[in-house]
PDB file of N, CA and C in Angstrom:
ATOM      1  N   MET A   1     144.096  70.057 141.471  1.00  0.00           N
ATOM      2  CA  MET A   1     142.789  70.642 141.716  1.00  0.00           C
ATOM      3  C   MET A   1     141.707  69.897 140.934  1.00  0.00           C
ATOM      4  N   LYS A   2     142.006  69.489 139.703  1.00  0.00           N
ATOM      5  CA  LYS A   2     141.010  68.805 138.890  1.00  0.00           C
ATOM      6  C   LYS A   2     140.670  67.435 139.481  1.00  0.00           C
ATOM      7  N   ARG A   3     141.683  66.747 140.023  1.00  0.00           N
ATOM      8  CA  ARG A   3     141.434  65.428 140.619  1.00  0.00           C
ATOM      9  C   ARG A   3     140.534  65.563 141.843  1.00  0.00           C
ATOM     10  N   ARG A   4     140.778  66.598 142.636  1.00  0.00           N
ATOM     11  CA  ARG A   4     139.966  66.818 143.831  1.00  0.00           C
ATOM     12  C   ARG A   4     138.523  67.108 143.442  1.00  0.00           C
ATOM     13  N   ALA A   5     138.315  67.927 142.417  1.00  0.00           N
ATOM     14  CA  ALA A   5     136.963  68.244 141.962  1.00  0.00           C
ATOM     15  C   ALA A   5     136.257  66.997 141.443  1.00  0.00           C
ATOM     16  N   THR A   6     136.997  66.146 140.762  1.00  0.00           N
ATOM     17  CA  THR A   6     136.411  64.904 140.253  1.00  0.00           C
ATOM     18  C   THR A   6     135.984  63.998 141.406  1.00  0.00           C
ATOM     19  N   LEU A   7     136.845  63.860 142.402  1.00  0.00           N
ATOM     20  CA  LEU A   7     136.510  63.025 143.563  1.00  0.00           C
ATOM     21  C   LEU A   7     135.318  63.586 144.324  1.00  0.00           C
ATOM     22  N   LEU A   8     135.251  64.895 144.455  1.00  0.00           N
ATOM     23  CA  LEU A   8     134.101  65.501 145.125  1.00  0.00           C
ATOM     24  C   LEU A   8     132.817  65.271 144.334  1.00  0.00           C
ATOM     25  N   GLY A   9     132.912  65.362 143.014  1.00  0.00           N
ATOM     26  CA  GLY A   9     131.744  65.109 142.177  1.00  0.00           C
ATOM     27  C   GLY A   9     131.262  63.674 142.275  1.00  0.00           C
ATOM     28  N   VAL A  10     132.184  62.741 142.250  1.00  0.00           N
ATOM     29  CA  VAL A  10     131.824  61.320 142.381  1.00  0.00           C
ATOM     30  C   VAL A  10     131.219  61.057 143.757  1.00  0.00           C
ATOM     31  N   GLY A  11     131.818  61.631 144.774  1.00  0.00           N
ATOM     32  CA  GLY A  11     131.283  61.464 146.131  1.00  0.00           C
ATOM     33  C   GLY A  11     129.886  62.040 146.270  1.00  0.00           C
ATOM     34  N   GLU A  12     129.656  63.175 145.644  1.00  0.00           N
ATOM     35  CA  GLU A  12     128.333  63.793 145.721  1.00  0.00           C
ATOM     36  C   GLU A  12     127.290  62.948 144.995  1.00  0.00           C
ATOM     37  N   VAL A  13     127.645  62.434 143.829  1.00  0.00           N
ATOM     38  CA  VAL A  13     126.698  61.577 143.098  1.00  0.00           C
ATOM     39  C   VAL A  13     126.399  60.311 143.904  1.00  0.00           C
ATOM     40  N   LEU A  14     127.402  59.723 144.524  1.00  0.00           N
ATOM     41  CA  LEU A  14     127.168  58.533 145.352  1.00  0.00           C
ATOM     42  C   LEU A  14     126.291  58.851 146.558  1.00  0.00           C
ATOM     43  N   ALA A  15     126.506  60.009 147.156  1.00  0.00           N
ATOM     44  CA  ALA A  15     125.682  60.407 148.300  1.00  0.00           C
ATOM     45  C   ALA A  15     124.230  60.608 147.874  1.00  0.00           C
ATOM     46  N   TRP A  16     124.020  61.294 146.742  1.00  0.00           N
ATOM     47  CA  TRP A  16     122.661  61.479 146.238  1.00  0.00           C
ATOM     48  C   TRP A  16     122.025  60.135 145.900  1.00  0.00           C
ATOM     49  N   TRP A  17     122.817  59.236 145.306  1.00  0.00           N
ATOM     50  CA  TRP A  17     122.287  57.918 144.951  1.00  0.00           C
ATOM     51  C   TRP A  17     121.804  57.188 146.205  1.00  0.00           C
ATOM     52  N   ALA A  18     122.607  57.224 147.258  1.00  0.00           N
ATOM     53  CA  ALA A  18     122.225  56.548 148.500  1.00  0.00           C
ATOM     54  C   ALA A  18     120.968  57.169 149.101  1.00  0.00           C
ATOM     55  N   VAL A  19     120.895  58.490 149.091  1.00  0.00           N
ATOM     56  CA  VAL A  19     119.734  59.185 149.653  1.00  0.00           C
ATOM     57  C   VAL A  19     118.472  58.847 148.871  1.00  0.00           C
ATOM     58  N   LEU A  20     118.597  58.655 147.570  1.00  0.00           N
ATOM     59  CA  LEU A  20     117.424  58.362 146.746  1.00  0.00           C
ATOM     60  C   LEU A  20     117.081  56.878 146.694  1.00  0.00           C
ATOM     61  N   ALA A  21     118.070  56.002 146.723  1.00  0.00           N
ATOM     62  CA  ALA A  21     117.815  54.563 146.561  1.00  0.00           C
ATOM     63  C   ALA A  21     117.390  53.884 147.860  1.00  0.00           C
ATOM     64  N   LEU A  22     118.003  54.248 148.958  1.00  0.00           N
ATOM     65  CA  LEU A  22     117.720  53.537 150.206  1.00  0.00           C
ATOM     66  C   LEU A  22     116.274  53.652 150.670  1.00  0.00           C
ATOM     67  N   PRO A  23     115.661  54.838 150.655  1.00  0.00           N
ATOM     68  CA  PRO A  23     114.245  54.872 151.075  1.00  0.00           C
ATOM     69  C   PRO A  23     113.339  54.035 150.174  1.00  0.00           C
ATOM     70  N   TRP A  24     113.629  54.034 148.877  1.00  0.00           N
ATOM     71  CA  TRP A  24     112.824  53.234 147.962  1.00  0.00           C
ATOM     72  C   TRP A  24     112.909  51.754 148.366  1.00  0.00           C
ATOM     73  N   LEU A  25     114.104  51.279 148.619  1.00  0.00           N
ATOM     74  CA  LEU A  25     114.273  49.873 148.972  1.00  0.00           C
ATOM     75  C   LEU A  25     113.725  49.551 150.357  1.00  0.00           C
ATOM     76  N   VAL A  26     113.747  50.513 151.254  1.00  0.00           N
ATOM     77  CA  VAL A  26     113.230  50.283 152.602  1.00  0.00           C
ATOM     78  C   VAL A  26     111.712  50.114 152.578  1.00  0.00           C
ATOM     79  N   PHE A  27     111.025  50.866 151.735  1.00  0.00           N
ATOM     80  CA  PHE A  27     109.569  50.834 151.726  1.00  0.00           C
ATOM     81  C   PHE A  27     108.984  49.752 150.829  1.00  0.00           C
ATOM     82  N   ILE A  28     109.809  48.993 150.134  1.00  0.00           N
ATOM     83  CA  ILE A  28     109.320  47.874 149.334  1.00  0.00           C
ATOM     84  C   ILE A  28     109.272  46.640 150.230  1.00  0.00           C
ATOM     85  N   ARG A  29     108.178  45.930 150.172  1.00  0.00           N
ATOM     86  CA  ARG A  29     107.992  44.786 151.048  1.00  0.00           C
ATOM     87  C   ARG A  29     108.986  43.665 150.710  1.00  0.00           C
ATOM     88  N   ALA A  30     109.018  43.228 149.464  1.00  0.00           N
ATOM     89  CA  ALA A  30     109.922  42.158 149.041  1.00  0.00           C
ATOM     90  C   ALA A  30     110.773  42.673 147.882  1.00  0.00           C
ATOM     91  N   VAL A  31     112.052  42.742 148.112  1.00  0.00           N
ATOM     92  CA  VAL A  31     112.960  43.272 147.082  1.00  0.00           C
ATOM     93  C   VAL A  31     113.427  42.117 146.212  1.00  0.00           C
ATOM     94  N   ASN A  32     113.002  42.133 144.942  1.00  0.00           N
ATOM     95  CA  ASN A  32     113.496  41.134 144.004  1.00  0.00           C
ATOM     96  C   ASN A  32     114.493  41.814 143.060  1.00  0.00           C
ATOM     97  N   THR A  33     115.032  41.077 142.141  1.00  0.00           N
ATOM     98  CA  THR A  33     116.076  41.600 141.260  1.00  0.00           C
ATOM     99  C   THR A  33     115.572  42.752 140.405  1.00  0.00           C
ATOM    100  N   LEU A  34     114.372  42.643 139.875  1.00  0.00           N
ATOM    101  CA  LEU A  34     113.818  43.703 139.046  1.00  0.00           C
ATOM    102  C   LEU A  34     113.662  45.003 139.838  1.00  0.00           C
ATOM    103  N   GLU A  35     113.127  44.922 141.047  1.00  0.00           N
ATOM    104  CA  GLU A  35     112.971  46.112 141.881  1.00  0.00           C
ATOM    105  C   GLU A  35     114.326  46.724 142.222  1.00  0.00           C
ATOM    106  N   LEU A  36     115.310  45.906 142.459  1.00  0.00           N
ATOM    107  CA  LEU A  36     116.653  46.395 142.775  1.00  0.00           C
ATOM    108  C   LEU A  36     117.252  47.142 141.584  1.00  0.00           C
ATOM    109  N   VAL A  37     117.101  46.585 140.386  1.00  0.00           N
ATOM    110  CA  VAL A  37     117.632  47.226 139.183  1.00  0.00           C
ATOM    111  C   VAL A  37     116.898  48.535 138.893  1.00  0.00           C
ATOM    112  N   VAL A  38     115.588  48.521 139.016  1.00  0.00           N
ATOM    113  CA  VAL A  38     114.800  49.729 138.742  1.00  0.00           C
ATOM    114  C   VAL A  38     115.120  50.821 139.752  1.00  0.00           C
ATOM    115  N   SER A  39     115.189  50.478 141.023  1.00  0.00           N
ATOM    116  CA  SER A  39     115.469  51.492 142.038  1.00  0.00           C
ATOM    117  C   SER A  39     116.880  52.049 141.892  1.00  0.00           C
ATOM    118  N   ALA A  40     117.854  51.197 141.616  1.00  0.00           N
ATOM    119  CA  ALA A  40     119.229  51.671 141.444  1.00  0.00           C
ATOM    120  C   ALA A  40     119.349  52.565 140.216  1.00  0.00           C
ATOM    121  N   SER A  41     118.672  52.198 139.138  1.00  0.00           N
ATOM    122  CA  SER A  41     118.729  53.000 137.912  1.00  0.00           C
ATOM    123  C   SER A  41     118.038  54.348 138.084  1.00  0.00           C
ATOM    124  N   ALA A  42     116.861  54.333 138.658  1.00  0.00           N
ATOM    125  CA  ALA A  42     116.122  55.582 138.866  1.00  0.00           C
ATOM    126  C   ALA A  42     116.870  56.494 139.828  1.00  0.00           C
ATOM    127  N   ALA A  43     117.450  55.927 140.863  1.00  0.00           N
ATOM    128  CA  ALA A  43     118.204  56.732 141.816  1.00  0.00           C
ATOM    129  C   ALA A  43     119.463  57.302 141.172  1.00  0.00           C
ATOM    130  N   LEU A  44     120.085  56.569 140.278  1.00  0.00           N
ATOM    131  CA  LEU A  44     121.276  57.076 139.598  1.00  0.00           C
ATOM    132  C   LEU A  44     120.927  58.240 138.677  1.00  0.00           C
ATOM    133  N   VAL A  45     119.814  58.131 137.964  1.00  0.00           N
ATOM    134  CA  VAL A  45     119.360  59.239 137.116  1.00  0.00           C
ATOM    135  C   VAL A  45     119.061  60.463 137.980  1.00  0.00           C
ATOM    136  N   GLY A  46     118.374  60.256 139.077  1.00  0.00           N
ATOM    137  CA  GLY A  46     118.071  61.354 139.992  1.00  0.00           C
ATOM    138  C   GLY A  46     119.315  61.954 140.615  1.00  0.00           C
ATOM    139  N   ALA A  47     120.307  61.115 140.910  1.00  0.00           N
ATOM    140  CA  ALA A  47     121.555  61.604 141.500  1.00  0.00           C
ATOM    141  C   ALA A  47     122.302  62.505 140.525  1.00  0.00           C
ATOM    142  N   PHE A  48     122.383  62.091 139.273  1.00  0.00           N
ATOM    143  CA  PHE A  48     123.051  62.937 138.274  1.00  0.00           C
ATOM    144  C   PHE A  48     122.270  64.228 138.023  1.00  0.00           C
ATOM    145  N   ALA A  49     120.945  64.155 138.043  1.00  0.00           N
ATOM    146  CA  ALA A  49     120.138  65.362 137.866  1.00  0.00           C
ATOM    147  C   ALA A  49     120.328  66.318 139.041  1.00  0.00           C
ATOM    148  N   SER A  50     120.369  65.788 140.243  1.00  0.00           N
ATOM    149  CA  SER A  50     120.582  66.624 141.430  1.00  0.00           C
ATOM    150  C   SER A  50     121.962  67.257 141.413  1.00  0.00           C
ATOM    151  N   TRP A  51     122.948  66.476 141.051  1.00  0.00           N
ATOM    152  CA  TRP A  51     124.323  66.979 140.984  1.00  0.00           C
ATOM    153  C   TRP A  51     124.447  68.073 139.928  1.00  0.00           C
ATOM    154  N   GLY A  52     123.893  67.843 138.758  1.00  0.00           N
ATOM    155  CA  GLY A  52     123.944  68.835 137.697  1.00  0.00           C
ATOM    156  C   GLY A  52     123.185  70.104 138.053  1.00  0.00           C
ATOM    157  N   THR A  53     122.049  69.948 138.702  1.00  0.00           N
ATOM    158  CA  THR A  53     121.275  71.113 139.120  1.00  0.00           C
ATOM    159  C   THR A  53     122.043  71.935 140.136  1.00  0.00           C
ATOM    160  N   ARG A  54     122.671  71.267 141.094  1.00  0.00           N
ATOM    161  CA  ARG A  54     123.438  71.997 142.103  1.00  0.00           C
ATOM    162  C   ARG A  54     124.621  72.729 141.475  1.00  0.00           C
ATOM    163  N   ARG A  55     125.266  72.088 140.514  1.00  0.00           N
ATOM    164  CA  ARG A  55     126.383  72.742 139.809  1.00  0.00           C
ATOM    165  C   ARG A  55     125.907  73.967 139.035  1.00  0.00           C
ATOM    166  N   ALA A  56     124.758  73.842 138.383  1.00  0.00           N
ATOM    167  CA  ALA A  56     124.239  74.971 137.595  1.00  0.00           C
ATOM    168  C   ALA A  56     123.839  76.132 138.486  1.00  0.00           C
ATOM    169  N   VAL A  57     123.237  75.839 139.612  1.00  0.00           N
ATOM    170  CA  VAL A  57     122.783  76.893 140.516  1.00  0.00           C
ATOM    171  C   VAL A  57     123.958  77.575 141.206  1.00  0.00           C
ATOM    172  N   SER A  58     124.961  76.787 141.582  1.00  0.00           N
ATOM    173  CA  SER A  58     126.092  77.367 142.318  1.00  0.00           C
ATOM    174  C   SER A  58     127.104  78.028 141.394  1.00  0.00           C
ATOM    175  N   GLY A  59     127.010  77.793 140.094  1.00  0.00           N
ATOM    176  CA  GLY A  59     127.948  78.398 139.146  1.00  0.00           C
ATOM    177  C   GLY A  59     129.321  77.771 139.180  1.00  0.00           C
ATOM    178  N   TRP A  60     129.374  76.489 139.535  1.00  0.00           N
ATOM    179  CA  TRP A  60     130.652  75.780 139.678  1.00  0.00           C
ATOM    180  C   TRP A  60     131.262  75.500 138.375  1.00  0.00           C
TER     181      TRP A  60
END
């Protein structure tokens, strides 16, 4: 059960990361290395915040 919960958590964070990072990269005219690093980092922070918020609200 713990392994399944871990995989679901990782999958959820990856899904949130994709939802947050892809629009940022789509709306940037020219993606350079700095923009890629900043968008990936900001999206990862947002993904963990979204995941943690959902866990807190659902009482998981």
